[in-house]
Amino acid sequence: TNGNSRLMEMSIAQMQKALEKSDMEAPLPPGHWGDMRQHVFYGALY
């Protein structure tokens, strides 16, 4: 993942070609963090 992800080697043109097989509409990004309290709680417990 991240710097070791296959995405690092992909161009936008390659992605656009792959998307020709899809007609999904991208959802809007949410405006807040989802489970931050649980994240901190489990970190403390761990």
PDB file of all heavy atoms in Angstrom:
ATOM      1  N   THR A   1       0.836  -1.191   0.000  1.00  0.00           N
ATOM      2  CA  THR A   1       0.000   0.000   0.000  1.00  0.00           C
ATOM      3  C   THR A   1       0.876   1.248   0.000  1.00  0.00           C
ATOM      4  O   THR A   1       2.094   1.175   0.100  1.00  0.00           O
ATOM      5  CB  THR A   1      -0.926   0.043   1.234  1.00  0.00           C
ATOM      6  OG1 THR A   1      -0.111   0.075   2.428  1.00  0.00           O
ATOM      7  CG2 THR A   1      -1.861  -1.157   1.270  1.00  0.00           C
ATOM      8  N   ASN A   2       0.219   2.410  -0.123  1.00  0.00           N
ATOM      9  CA  ASN A   2       0.911   3.700  -0.120  1.00  0.00           C
ATOM     10  C   ASN A   2       2.051   3.695  -1.147  1.00  0.00           C
ATOM     11  O   ASN A   2       1.812   3.428  -2.313  1.00  0.00           O
ATOM     12  CB  ASN A   2       1.395   4.044   1.292  1.00  0.00           C
ATOM     13  CG  ASN A   2       0.227   4.306   2.244  1.00  0.00           C
ATOM     14  OD1 ASN A   2      -0.691   5.052   1.923  1.00  0.00           O
ATOM     15  ND2 ASN A   2       0.257   3.695   3.426  1.00  0.00           N
ATOM     16  N   GLY A   3       3.268   3.982  -0.736  1.00  0.00           N
ATOM     17  CA  GLY A   3       4.381   4.037  -1.679  1.00  0.00           C
ATOM     18  C   GLY A   3       4.721   2.717  -2.329  1.00  0.00           C
ATOM     19  O   GLY A   3       5.454   2.674  -3.328  1.00  0.00           O
ATOM     20  N   ASN A   4       4.224   1.607  -1.783  1.00  0.00           N
ATOM     21  CA  ASN A   4       4.431   0.280  -2.370  1.00  0.00           C
ATOM     22  C   ASN A   4       3.225  -0.204  -3.173  1.00  0.00           C
ATOM     23  O   ASN A   4       3.200  -1.361  -3.611  1.00  0.00           O
ATOM     24  CB  ASN A   4       4.741  -0.741  -1.268  1.00  0.00           C
ATOM     25  CG  ASN A   4       6.022  -0.420  -0.525  1.00  0.00           C
ATOM     26  OD1 ASN A   4       6.989   0.057  -1.123  1.00  0.00           O
ATOM     27  ND2 ASN A   4       6.052  -0.656   0.780  1.00  0.00           N
ATOM     28  N   SER A   5       2.246   0.663  -3.380  1.00  0.00           N
ATOM     29  CA  SER A   5       1.026   0.283  -4.091  1.00  0.00           C
ATOM     30  C   SER A   5       1.256   0.223  -5.595  1.00  0.00           C
ATOM     31  O   SER A   5       2.071   0.960  -6.160  1.00  0.00           O
ATOM     32  CB  SER A   5      -0.080   1.300  -3.786  1.00  0.00           C
ATOM     33  OG  SER A   5      -1.187   1.122  -4.645  1.00  0.00           O
ATOM     34  N   ARG A   6       0.495  -0.623  -6.272  1.00  0.00           N
ATOM     35  CA  ARG A   6       0.511  -0.667  -7.740  1.00  0.00           C
ATOM     36  C   ARG A   6       0.050   0.666  -8.334  1.00  0.00           C
ATOM     37  O   ARG A   6       0.386   0.984  -9.490  1.00  0.00           O
ATOM     38  CB  ARG A   6      -0.398  -1.788  -8.244  1.00  0.00           C
ATOM     39  CG  ARG A   6       0.184  -3.195  -8.088  1.00  0.00           C
ATOM     40  CD  ARG A   6      -0.725  -4.212  -8.763  1.00  0.00           C
ATOM     41  NE  ARG A   6      -0.889  -3.891 -10.179  1.00  0.00           N
ATOM     42  CZ  ARG A   6      -1.931  -4.282 -10.921  1.00  0.00           C
ATOM     43  NH1 ARG A   6      -2.888  -4.988 -10.366  1.00  0.00           N
ATOM     44  NH2 ARG A   6      -2.024  -3.938 -12.195  1.00  0.00           N
ATOM     45  N   LEU A   7      -0.703   1.452  -7.571  1.00  0.00           N
ATOM     46  CA  LEU A   7      -1.186   2.743  -8.056  1.00  0.00           C
ATOM     47  C   LEU A   7      -0.041   3.687  -8.410  1.00  0.00           C
ATOM     48  O   LEU A   7      -0.206   4.574  -9.251  1.00  0.00           O
ATOM     49  CB  LEU A   7      -2.073   3.407  -7.001  1.00  0.00           C
ATOM     50  CG  LEU A   7      -3.439   2.760  -6.752  1.00  0.00           C
ATOM     51  CD1 LEU A   7      -4.054   3.329  -5.488  1.00  0.00           C
ATOM     52  CD2 LEU A   7      -4.365   2.977  -7.941  1.00  0.00           C
ATOM     53  N   MET A   8       1.100   3.519  -7.748  1.00  0.00           N
ATOM     54  CA  MET A   8       2.225   4.409  -7.992  1.00  0.00           C
ATOM     55  C   MET A   8       2.715   4.322  -9.434  1.00  0.00           C
ATOM     56  O   MET A   8       3.260   5.281  -9.967  1.00  0.00           O
ATOM     57  CB  MET A   8       3.378   4.085  -7.032  1.00  0.00           C
ATOM     58  CG  MET A   8       3.033   4.230  -5.555  1.00  0.00           C
ATOM     59  SD  MET A   8       2.584   5.904  -5.069  1.00  0.00           S
ATOM     60  CE  MET A   8       4.115   6.771  -5.351  1.00  0.00           C
ATOM     61  N   GLU A   9       2.502   3.179 -10.068  1.00  0.00           N
ATOM     62  CA  GLU A   9       2.997   2.959 -11.428  1.00  0.00           C
ATOM     63  C   GLU A   9       1.931   3.202 -12.485  1.00  0.00           C
ATOM     64  O   GLU A   9       2.214   3.134 -13.683  1.00  0.00           O
ATOM     65  CB  GLU A   9       3.524   1.519 -11.557  1.00  0.00           C
ATOM     66  CG  GLU A   9       4.626   1.171 -10.560  1.00  0.00           C
ATOM     67  CD  GLU A   9       4.914  -0.302 -10.510  1.00  0.00           C
ATOM     68  OE1 GLU A   9       4.249  -1.056 -11.253  1.00  0.00           O
ATOM     69  OE2 GLU A   9       5.803  -0.710  -9.738  1.00  0.00           O
ATOM     70  N   MET A  10       0.706   3.477 -12.083  1.00  0.00           N
ATOM     71  CA  MET A  10      -0.382   3.638 -13.039  1.00  0.00           C
ATOM     72  C   MET A  10      -0.545   5.080 -13.467  1.00  0.00           C
ATOM     73  O   MET A  10      -0.412   6.009 -12.663  1.00  0.00           O
ATOM     74  CB  MET A  10      -1.702   3.164 -12.439  1.00  0.00           C
ATOM     75  CG  MET A  10      -1.770   1.676 -12.175  1.00  0.00           C
ATOM     76  SD  MET A  10      -3.439   1.249 -11.611  1.00  0.00           S
ATOM     77  CE  MET A  10      -3.105  -0.294 -10.765  1.00  0.00           C
ATOM     78  N   SER A  11      -0.875   5.265 -14.723  1.00  0.00           N
ATOM     79  CA  SER A  11      -1.176   6.598 -15.241  1.00  0.00           C
ATOM     80  C   SER A  11      -2.684   6.829 -15.196  1.00  0.00           C
ATOM     81  O   SER A  11      -3.473   5.879 -15.128  1.00  0.00           O
ATOM     82  CB  SER A  11      -0.667   6.750 -16.670  1.00  0.00           C
ATOM     83  OG  SER A  11      -1.417   5.922 -17.559  1.00  0.00           O
ATOM     84  N   ILE A  12      -3.072   8.089 -15.256  1.00  0.00           N
ATOM     85  CA  ILE A  12      -4.494   8.418 -15.316  1.00  0.00           C
ATOM     86  C   ILE A  12      -5.130   7.841 -16.575  1.00  0.00           C
ATOM     87  O   ILE A  12      -6.266   7.361 -16.558  1.00  0.00           O
ATOM     88  CB  ILE A  12      -4.696   9.944 -15.252  1.00  0.00           C
ATOM     89  CG1 ILE A  12      -4.190  10.500 -13.916  1.00  0.00           C
ATOM     90  CG2 ILE A  12      -6.160  10.306 -15.443  1.00  0.00           C
ATOM     91  CD1 ILE A  12      -4.890   9.954 -12.699  1.00  0.00           C
ATOM     92  N   ALA A  13      -4.392   7.838 -17.667  1.00  0.00           N
ATOM     93  CA  ALA A  13      -4.922   7.273 -18.921  1.00  0.00           C
ATOM     94  C   ALA A  13      -5.264   5.790 -18.755  1.00  0.00           C
ATOM     95  O   ALA A  13      -6.298   5.323 -19.258  1.00  0.00           O
ATOM     96  CB  ALA A  13      -3.912   7.468 -20.044  1.00  0.00           C
ATOM     97  N   GLN A  14      -4.412   5.026 -18.066  1.00  0.00           N
ATOM     98  CA  GLN A  14      -4.693   3.613 -17.824  1.00  0.00           C
ATOM     99  C   GLN A  14      -5.961   3.440 -16.992  1.00  0.00           C
ATOM    100  O   GLN A  14      -6.782   2.554 -17.254  1.00  0.00           O
ATOM    101  CB  GLN A  14      -3.503   2.963 -17.111  1.00  0.00           C
ATOM    102  CG  GLN A  14      -2.270   2.787 -17.976  1.00  0.00           C
ATOM    103  CD  GLN A  14      -1.087   2.288 -17.176  1.00  0.00           C
ATOM    104  OE1 GLN A  14      -0.715   2.840 -16.150  1.00  0.00           O
ATOM    105  NE2 GLN A  14      -0.481   1.207 -17.642  1.00  0.00           N
ATOM    106  N   MET A  15      -6.126   4.293 -15.982  1.00  0.00           N
ATOM    107  CA  MET A  15      -7.310   4.218 -15.135  1.00  0.00           C
ATOM    108  C   MET A  15      -8.564   4.561 -15.932  1.00  0.00           C
ATOM    109  O   MET A  15      -9.604   3.914 -15.783  1.00  0.00           O
ATOM    110  CB  MET A  15      -7.156   5.163 -13.942  1.00  0.00           C
ATOM    111  CG  MET A  15      -5.995   4.805 -13.028  1.00  0.00           C
ATOM    112  SD  MET A  15      -5.800   6.011 -11.688  1.00  0.00           S
ATOM    113  CE  MET A  15      -4.228   5.464 -10.990  1.00  0.00           C
ATOM    114  N   GLN A  16      -8.488   5.583 -16.758  1.00  0.00           N
ATOM    115  CA  GLN A  16      -9.645   5.979 -17.568  1.00  0.00           C
ATOM    116  C   GLN A  16     -10.058   4.863 -18.525  1.00  0.00           C
ATOM    117  O   GLN A  16     -11.251   4.633 -18.747  1.00  0.00           O
ATOM    118  CB  GLN A  16      -9.320   7.270 -18.325  1.00  0.00           C
ATOM    119  CG  GLN A  16      -9.234   8.496 -17.418  1.00  0.00           C
ATOM    120  CD  GLN A  16      -8.653   9.715 -18.103  1.00  0.00           C
ATOM    121  OE1 GLN A  16      -7.863   9.593 -19.047  1.00  0.00           O
ATOM    122  NE2 GLN A  16      -9.015  10.906 -17.643  1.00  0.00           N
ATOM    123  N   LYS A  17      -9.073   4.155 -19.065  1.00  0.00           N
ATOM    124  CA  LYS A  17      -9.396   3.037 -19.955  1.00  0.00           C
ATOM    125  C   LYS A  17     -10.130   1.936 -19.198  1.00  0.00           C
ATOM    126  O   LYS A  17     -11.110   1.374 -19.696  1.00  0.00           O
ATOM    127  CB  LYS A  17      -8.121   2.488 -20.585  1.00  0.00           C
ATOM    128  CG  LYS A  17      -8.380   1.382 -21.610  1.00  0.00           C
ATOM    129  CD  LYS A  17      -7.090   0.909 -22.261  1.00  0.00           C
ATOM    130  CE  LYS A  17      -7.383  -0.202 -23.270  1.00  0.00           C
ATOM    131  NZ  LYS A  17      -6.175  -0.681 -23.914  1.00  0.00           N
ATOM    132  N   ALA A  18      -9.665   1.636 -17.967  1.00  0.00           N
ATOM    133  CA  ALA A  18     -10.328   0.611 -17.161  1.00  0.00           C
ATOM    134  C   ALA A  18     -11.743   1.025 -16.793  1.00  0.00           C
ATOM    135  O   ALA A  18     -12.652   0.188 -16.706  1.00  0.00           O
ATOM    136  CB  ALA A  18      -9.507   0.328 -15.901  1.00  0.00           C
ATOM    137  N   LEU A  19     -11.957   2.319 -16.571  1.00  0.00           N
ATOM    138  CA  LEU A  19     -13.267   2.814 -16.171  1.00  0.00           C
ATOM    139  C   LEU A  19     -14.300   2.741 -17.288  1.00  0.00           C
ATOM    140  O   LEU A  19     -15.493   2.908 -17.034  1.00  0.00           O
ATOM    141  CB  LEU A  19     -13.152   4.262 -15.671  1.00  0.00           C
ATOM    142  CG  LEU A  19     -12.530   4.431 -14.272  1.00  0.00           C
ATOM    143  CD1 LEU A  19     -12.266   5.901 -13.993  1.00  0.00           C
ATOM    144  CD2 LEU A  19     -13.423   3.824 -13.197  1.00  0.00           C
ATOM    145  N   GLU A  20     -13.862   2.510 -18.502  1.00  0.00           N
ATOM    146  CA  GLU A  20     -14.817   2.348 -19.593  1.00  0.00           C
ATOM    147  C   GLU A  20     -15.744   1.167 -19.357  1.00  0.00           C
ATOM    148  O   GLU A  20     -16.829   1.087 -19.931  1.00  0.00           O
ATOM    149  CB  GLU A  20     -14.070   2.190 -20.916  1.00  0.00           C
ATOM    150  CG  GLU A  20     -13.326   3.448 -21.360  1.00  0.00           C
ATOM    151  CD  GLU A  20     -12.473   3.225 -22.590  1.00  0.00           C
ATOM    152  OE1 GLU A  20     -12.481   2.062 -23.111  1.00  0.00           O
ATOM    153  OE2 GLU A  20     -11.805   4.176 -23.065  1.00  0.00           O
ATOM    154  N   LYS A  21     -15.296   0.236 -18.484  1.00  0.00           N
ATOM    155  CA  LYS A  21     -16.103  -0.942 -18.172  1.00  0.00           C
ATOM    156  C   LYS A  21     -17.069  -0.674 -17.019  1.00  0.00           C
ATOM    157  O   LYS A  21     -17.781  -1.566 -16.584  1.00  0.00           O
ATOM    158  CB  LYS A  21     -15.196  -2.122 -17.797  1.00  0.00           C
ATOM    159  CG  LYS A  21     -14.192  -2.513 -18.873  1.00  0.00           C
ATOM    160  CD  LYS A  21     -13.329  -3.663 -18.401  1.00  0.00           C
ATOM    161  CE  LYS A  21     -12.385  -4.145 -19.498  1.00  0.00           C
ATOM    162  NZ  LYS A  21     -11.316  -3.191 -19.766  1.00  0.00           N
ATOM    163  N   SER A  22     -17.068   0.555 -16.484  1.00  0.00           N
ATOM    164  CA  SER A  22     -17.898   0.870 -15.322  1.00  0.00           C
ATOM    165  C   SER A  22     -18.725   2.116 -15.592  1.00  0.00           C
ATOM    166  O   SER A  22     -18.268   3.049 -16.236  1.00  0.00           O
ATOM    167  CB  SER A  22     -17.003   1.106 -14.094  1.00  0.00           C
ATOM    168  OG  SER A  22     -17.743   1.695 -13.035  1.00  0.00           O
ATOM    169  N   ASP A  23     -19.932   2.142 -15.046  1.00  0.00           N
ATOM    170  CA  ASP A  23     -20.763   3.337 -15.139  1.00  0.00           C
ATOM    171  C   ASP A  23     -21.159   3.838 -13.751  1.00  0.00           C
ATOM    172  O   ASP A  23     -22.122   4.587 -13.586  1.00  0.00           O
ATOM    173  CB  ASP A  23     -22.021   3.075 -15.973  1.00  0.00           C
ATOM    174  CG  ASP A  23     -22.887   1.947 -15.409  1.00  0.00           C
ATOM    175  OD1 ASP A  23     -22.490   1.331 -14.386  1.00  0.00           O
ATOM    176  OD2 ASP A  23     -23.949   1.672 -16.001  1.00  0.00           O
ATOM    177  N   MET A  24     -20.400   3.445 -12.721  1.00  0.00           N
ATOM    178  CA  MET A  24     -20.689   3.867 -11.365  1.00  0.00           C
ATOM    179  C   MET A  24     -20.445   5.359 -11.209  1.00  0.00           C
ATOM    180  O   MET A  24     -19.456   5.898 -11.692  1.00  0.00           O
ATOM    181  CB  MET A  24     -19.811   3.105 -10.364  1.00  0.00           C
ATOM    182  CG  MET A  24     -20.162   3.394  -8.902  1.00  0.00           C
ATOM    183  SD  MET A  24     -18.911   2.773  -7.751  1.00  0.00           S
ATOM    184  CE  MET A  24     -17.718   4.106  -7.818  1.00  0.00           C
ATOM    185  N   GLU A  25     -21.344   6.054 -10.507  1.00  0.00           N
ATOM    186  CA  GLU A  25     -21.133   7.451 -10.172  1.00  0.00           C
ATOM    187  C   GLU A  25     -20.492   7.542  -8.792  1.00  0.00           C
ATOM    188  O   GLU A  25     -20.953   6.923  -7.838  1.00  0.00           O
ATOM    189  CB  GLU A  25     -22.463   8.216 -10.190  1.00  0.00           C
ATOM    190  CG  GLU A  25     -23.078   8.335 -11.567  1.00  0.00           C
ATOM    191  CD  GLU A  25     -24.253   9.256 -11.605  1.00  0.00           C
ATOM    192  OE1 GLU A  25     -24.490   9.936 -10.579  1.00  0.00           O
ATOM    193  OE2 GLU A  25     -24.944   9.294 -12.633  1.00  0.00           O
ATOM    194  N   ALA A  26     -19.410   8.310  -8.686  1.00  0.00           N
ATOM    195  CA  ALA A  26     -18.686   8.416  -7.425  1.00  0.00           C
ATOM    196  C   ALA A  26     -19.515   9.155  -6.383  1.00  0.00           C
ATOM    197  O   ALA A  26     -20.048  10.231  -6.644  1.00  0.00           O
ATOM    198  CB  ALA A  26     -17.359   9.138  -7.630  1.00  0.00           C
ATOM    199  N   PRO A  27     -19.638   8.616  -5.172  1.00  0.00           N
ATOM    200  CA  PRO A  27     -20.381   9.301  -4.119  1.00  0.00           C
ATOM    201  C   PRO A  27     -19.619  10.506  -3.601  1.00  0.00           C
ATOM    202  O   PRO A  27     -18.407  10.609  -3.742  1.00  0.00           O
ATOM    203  CB  PRO A  27     -20.514   8.218  -3.029  1.00  0.00           C
ATOM    204  CG  PRO A  27     -19.337   7.314  -3.251  1.00  0.00           C
ATOM    205  CD  PRO A  27     -19.114   7.308  -4.735  1.00  0.00           C
ATOM    206  N   LEU A  28     -20.338  11.435  -3.005  1.00  0.00           N
ATOM    207  CA  LEU A  28     -19.709  12.604  -2.414  1.00  0.00           C
ATOM    208  C   LEU A  28     -18.859  12.199  -1.220  1.00  0.00           C
ATOM    209  O   LEU A  28     -19.208  11.269  -0.485  1.00  0.00           O
ATOM    210  CB  LEU A  28     -20.766  13.614  -1.968  1.00  0.00           C
ATOM    211  CG  LEU A  28     -21.562  14.302  -3.080  1.00  0.00           C
ATOM    212  CD1 LEU A  28     -22.702  15.098  -2.466  1.00  0.00           C
ATOM    213  CD2 LEU A  28     -20.661  15.216  -3.890  1.00  0.00           C
ATOM    214  N   PRO A  29     -17.762  12.905  -0.970  1.00  0.00           N
ATOM    215  CA  PRO A  29     -16.958  12.589   0.205  1.00  0.00           C
ATOM    216  C   PRO A  29     -17.666  13.049   1.465  1.00  0.00           C
ATOM    217  O   PRO A  29     -18.277  14.115   1.486  1.00  0.00           O
ATOM    218  CB  PRO A  29     -15.672  13.389  -0.020  1.00  0.00           C
ATOM    219  CG  PRO A  29     -16.092  14.543  -0.852  1.00  0.00           C
ATOM    220  CD  PRO A  29     -17.195  14.033  -1.737  1.00  0.00           C
ATOM    221  N   PRO A  30     -17.634  12.261   2.527  1.00  0.00           N
ATOM    222  CA  PRO A  30     -18.255  12.687   3.780  1.00  0.00           C
ATOM    223  C   PRO A  30     -17.469  13.817   4.410  1.00  0.00           C
ATOM    224  O   PRO A  30     -16.272  13.968   4.187  1.00  0.00           O
ATOM    225  CB  PRO A  30     -18.203  11.421   4.648  1.00  0.00           C
ATOM    226  CG  PRO A  30     -17.149  10.600   4.052  1.00  0.00           C
ATOM    227  CD  PRO A  30     -17.047  10.930   2.614  1.00  0.00           C
ATOM    228  N   GLY A  31     -18.131  14.615   5.215  1.00  0.00           N
ATOM    229  CA  GLY A  31     -17.499  15.783   5.799  1.00  0.00           C
ATOM    230  C   GLY A  31     -16.977  15.582   7.194  1.00  0.00           C
ATOM    231  O   GLY A  31     -16.570  16.556   7.820  1.00  0.00           O
ATOM    232  N   HIS A  32     -17.027  14.351   7.731  1.00  0.00           N
ATOM    233  CA  HIS A  32     -16.510  14.156   9.076  1.00  0.00           C
ATOM    234  C   HIS A  32     -15.899  12.770   9.211  1.00  0.00           C
ATOM    235  O   HIS A  32     -16.133  11.880   8.401  1.00  0.00           O
ATOM    236  CB  HIS A  32     -17.615  14.343  10.123  1.00  0.00           C
ATOM    237  CG  HIS A  32     -18.729  13.332  10.025  1.00  0.00           C
ATOM    238  ND1 HIS A  32     -18.713  12.138  10.669  1.00  0.00           N
ATOM    239  CD2 HIS A  32     -19.889  13.365   9.344  1.00  0.00           C
ATOM    240  CE1 HIS A  32     -19.819  11.459  10.398  1.00  0.00           C
ATOM    241  NE2 HIS A  32     -20.541  12.182   9.602  1.00  0.00           N
ATOM    242  N   TRP A  33     -15.120  12.622  10.247  1.00  0.00           N
ATOM    243  CA  TRP A  33     -14.471  11.358  10.521  1.00  0.00           C
ATOM    244  C   TRP A  33     -15.467  10.393  11.128  1.00  0.00           C
ATOM    245  O   TRP A  33     -16.255  10.748  11.983  1.00  0.00           O
ATOM    246  CB  TRP A  33     -13.290  11.547  11.465  1.00  0.00           C
ATOM    247  CG  TRP A  33     -12.118  12.169  10.788  1.00  0.00           C
ATOM    248  CD1 TRP A  33     -11.997  13.448  10.355  1.00  0.00           C
ATOM    249  CD2 TRP A  33     -10.910  11.523  10.418  1.00  0.00           C
ATOM    250  NE1 TRP A  33     -10.795  13.637   9.745  1.00  0.00           N
ATOM    251  CE2 TRP A  33     -10.105  12.483   9.774  1.00  0.00           C
ATOM    252  CE3 TRP A  33     -10.422  10.238  10.573  1.00  0.00           C
ATOM    253  CZ2 TRP A  33      -8.847  12.190   9.282  1.00  0.00           C
ATOM    254  CZ3 TRP A  33      -9.164   9.937  10.076  1.00  0.00           C
ATOM    255  CH2 TRP A  33      -8.396  10.912   9.442  1.00  0.00           C
ATOM    256  N   GLY A  34     -15.429   9.151  10.730  1.00  0.00           N
ATOM    257  CA  GLY A  34     -16.404   8.159  11.130  1.00  0.00           C
ATOM    258  C   GLY A  34     -16.247   7.637  12.536  1.00  0.00           C
ATOM    259  O   GLY A  34     -17.045   7.937  13.405  1.00  0.00           O
ATOM    260  N   ASP A  35     -15.217   6.852  12.797  1.00  0.00           N
ATOM    261  CA  ASP A  35     -15.133   6.159  14.076  1.00  0.00           C
ATOM    262  C   ASP A  35     -13.882   6.554  14.865  1.00  0.00           C
ATOM    263  O   ASP A  35     -13.143   5.716  15.352  1.00  0.00           O
ATOM    264  CB  ASP A  35     -15.199   4.652  13.869  1.00  0.00           C
ATOM    265  CG  ASP A  35     -14.270   4.148  12.756  1.00  0.00           C
ATOM    266  OD1 ASP A  35     -13.472   4.939  12.229  1.00  0.00           O
ATOM    267  OD2 ASP A  35     -14.341   2.962  12.447  1.00  0.00           O
ATOM    268  N   MET A  36     -13.641   7.854  14.990  1.00  0.00           N
ATOM    269  CA  MET A  36     -12.450   8.350  15.667  1.00  0.00           C
ATOM    270  C   MET A  36     -12.419   7.965  17.138  1.00  0.00           C
ATOM    271  O   MET A  36     -11.383   7.576  17.678  1.00  0.00           O
ATOM    272  CB  MET A  36     -12.357   9.869  15.522  1.00  0.00           C
ATOM    273  CG  MET A  36     -11.085  10.487  16.129  1.00  0.00           C
ATOM    274  SD  MET A  36      -9.585   9.813  15.403  1.00  0.00           S
ATOM    275  CE  MET A  36      -9.759  10.342  13.726  1.00  0.00           C
ATOM    276  N   ARG A  37     -13.553   8.087  17.827  1.00  0.00           N
ATOM    277  CA  ARG A  37     -13.593   7.753  19.252  1.00  0.00           C
ATOM    278  C   ARG A  37     -13.243   6.286  19.485  1.00  0.00           C
ATOM    279  O   ARG A  37     -12.494   5.953  20.402  1.00  0.00           O
ATOM    280  CB  ARG A  37     -14.964   8.080  19.847  1.00  0.00           C
ATOM    281  CG  ARG A  37     -15.266   9.552  19.969  1.00  0.00           C
ATOM    282  CD  ARG A  37     -16.565   9.793  20.715  1.00  0.00           C
ATOM    283  NE  ARG A  37     -17.696   9.172  20.062  1.00  0.00           N
ATOM    284  CZ  ARG A  37     -18.421   9.722  19.093  1.00  0.00           C
ATOM    285  NH1 ARG A  37     -18.106  10.915  18.691  1.00  0.00           N
ATOM    286  NH2 ARG A  37     -19.447   9.089  18.555  1.00  0.00           N
ATOM    287  N   GLN A  38     -13.818   5.409  18.647  1.00  0.00           N
ATOM    288  CA  GLN A  38     -13.512   3.983  18.765  1.00  0.00           C
ATOM    289  C   GLN A  38     -12.050   3.703  18.451  1.00  0.00           C
ATOM    290  O   GLN A  38     -11.423   2.856  19.088  1.00  0.00           O
ATOM    291  CB  GLN A  38     -14.420   3.174  17.835  1.00  0.00           C
ATOM    292  CG  GLN A  38     -15.896   3.224  18.215  1.00  0.00           C
ATOM    293  CD  GLN A  38     -16.660   4.306  17.473  1.00  0.00           C
ATOM    294  OE1 GLN A  38     -16.104   5.358  17.135  1.00  0.00           O
ATOM    295  NE2 GLN A  38     -17.922   4.058  17.207  1.00  0.00           N
ATOM    296  N   HIS A  39     -11.503   4.401  17.467  1.00  0.00           N
ATOM    297  CA  HIS A  39     -10.096   4.257  17.123  1.00  0.00           C
ATOM    298  C   HIS A  39      -9.206   4.560  18.319  1.00  0.00           C
ATOM    299  O   HIS A  39      -8.314   3.782  18.664  1.00  0.00           O
ATOM    300  CB  HIS A  39      -9.777   5.201  15.955  1.00  0.00           C
ATOM    301  CG  HIS A  39      -8.436   4.965  15.332  1.00  0.00           C
ATOM    302  ND1 HIS A  39      -8.104   5.455  14.094  1.00  0.00           N
ATOM    303  CD2 HIS A  39      -7.332   4.309  15.766  1.00  0.00           C
ATOM    304  CE1 HIS A  39      -6.871   5.103  13.794  1.00  0.00           C
ATOM    305  NE2 HIS A  39      -6.376   4.422  14.803  1.00  0.00           N
ATOM    306  N   VAL A  40      -9.445   5.689  18.961  1.00  0.00           N
ATOM    307  CA  VAL A  40      -8.645   6.080  20.120  1.00  0.00           C
ATOM    308  C   VAL A  40      -8.858   5.106  21.272  1.00  0.00           C
ATOM    309  O   VAL A  40      -7.914   4.717  21.970  1.00  0.00           O
ATOM    310  CB  VAL A  40      -8.987   7.525  20.544  1.00  0.00           C
ATOM    311  CG1 VAL A  40      -8.247   7.899  21.822  1.00  0.00           C
ATOM    312  CG2 VAL A  40      -8.619   8.507  19.424  1.00  0.00           C
ATOM    313  N   PHE A  41     -10.115   4.678  21.504  1.00  0.00           N
ATOM    314  CA  PHE A  41     -10.412   3.741  22.590  1.00  0.00           C
ATOM    315  C   PHE A  41      -9.663   2.420  22.417  1.00  0.00           C
ATOM    316  O   PHE A  41      -9.015   1.930  23.354  1.00  0.00           O
ATOM    317  CB  PHE A  41     -11.919   3.482  22.664  1.00  0.00           C
ATOM    318  CG  PHE A  41     -12.301   2.346  23.583  1.00  0.00           C
ATOM    319  CD1 PHE A  41     -12.278   2.517  24.955  1.00  0.00           C
ATOM    320  CD2 PHE A  41     -12.650   1.106  23.065  1.00  0.00           C
ATOM    321  CE1 PHE A  41     -12.610   1.457  25.801  1.00  0.00           C
ATOM    322  CE2 PHE A  41     -12.977   0.045  23.903  1.00  0.00           C
ATOM    323  CZ  PHE A  41     -12.958   0.227  25.268  1.00  0.00           C
ATOM    324  N   TYR A  42      -9.751   1.830  21.222  1.00  0.00           N
ATOM    325  CA  TYR A  42      -9.074   0.552  20.995  1.00  0.00           C
ATOM    326  C   TYR A  42      -7.555   0.700  21.051  1.00  0.00           C
ATOM    327  O   TYR A  42      -6.851  -0.213  21.487  1.00  0.00           O
ATOM    328  CB  TYR A  42      -9.498  -0.052  19.657  1.00  0.00           C
ATOM    329  CG  TYR A  42     -10.852  -0.723  19.708  1.00  0.00           C
ATOM    330  CD1 TYR A  42     -11.862  -0.376  18.814  1.00  0.00           C
ATOM    331  CD2 TYR A  42     -11.121  -1.722  20.645  1.00  0.00           C
ATOM    332  CE1 TYR A  42     -13.095  -0.995  18.853  1.00  0.00           C
ATOM    333  CE2 TYR A  42     -12.362  -2.339  20.697  1.00  0.00           C
ATOM    334  CZ  TYR A  42     -13.347  -1.971  19.799  1.00  0.00           C
ATOM    335  OH  TYR A  42     -14.575  -2.587  19.850  1.00  0.00           O
ATOM    336  N   GLY A  43      -7.047   1.848  20.622  1.00  0.00           N
ATOM    337  CA  GLY A  43      -5.621   2.086  20.741  1.00  0.00           C
ATOM    338  C   GLY A  43      -5.166   2.103  22.190  1.00  0.00           C
ATOM    339  O   GLY A  43      -4.142   1.508  22.551  1.00  0.00           O
ATOM    340  N   ALA A  44      -5.930   2.785  23.046  1.00  0.00           N
ATOM    341  CA  ALA A  44      -5.611   2.832  24.469  1.00  0.00           C
ATOM    342  C   ALA A  44      -5.707   1.449  25.101  1.00  0.00           C
ATOM    343  O   ALA A  44      -4.840   1.044  25.884  1.00  0.00           O
ATOM    344  CB  ALA A  44      -6.544   3.811  25.179  1.00  0.00           C
ATOM    345  N   LEU A  45      -6.765   0.691  24.764  1.00  0.00           N
ATOM    346  CA  LEU A  45      -6.957  -0.639  25.338  1.00  0.00           C
ATOM    347  C   LEU A  45      -5.842  -1.594  24.908  1.00  0.00           C
ATOM    348  O   LEU A  45      -5.314  -2.368  25.725  1.00  0.00           O
ATOM    349  CB  LEU A  45      -8.327  -1.185  24.917  1.00  0.00           C
ATOM    350  CG  LEU A  45      -8.769  -2.506  25.548  1.00  0.00           C
ATOM    351  CD1 LEU A  45      -8.832  -2.381  27.062  1.00  0.00           C
ATOM    352  CD2 LEU A  45     -10.148  -2.914  24.999  1.00  0.00           C
ATOM    353  N   TYR A  46      -5.486  -1.538  23.631  1.00  0.00           N
ATOM    354  CA  TYR A  46      -4.400  -2.377  23.118  1.00  0.00           C
ATOM    355  C   TYR A  46      -3.109  -2.135  23.888  1.00  0.00           C
ATOM    356  O   TYR A  46      -2.431  -3.068  24.330  1.00  0.00           O
ATOM    357  CB  TYR A  46      -4.227  -2.081  21.629  1.00  0.00           C
ATOM    358  CG  TYR A  46      -3.112  -2.844  20.942  1.00  0.00           C
ATOM    359  CD1 TYR A  46      -3.360  -4.053  20.311  1.00  0.00           C
ATOM    360  CD2 TYR A  46      -1.816  -2.339  20.883  1.00  0.00           C
ATOM    361  CE1 TYR A  46      -2.361  -4.754  19.654  1.00  0.00           C
ATOM    362  CE2 TYR A  46      -0.802  -3.027  20.228  1.00  0.00           C
ATOM    363  CZ  TYR A  46      -1.082  -4.230  19.618  1.00  0.00           C
ATOM    364  OH  TYR A  46      -0.072  -4.916  18.966  1.00  0.00           O
TER     365      TYR A  46
END
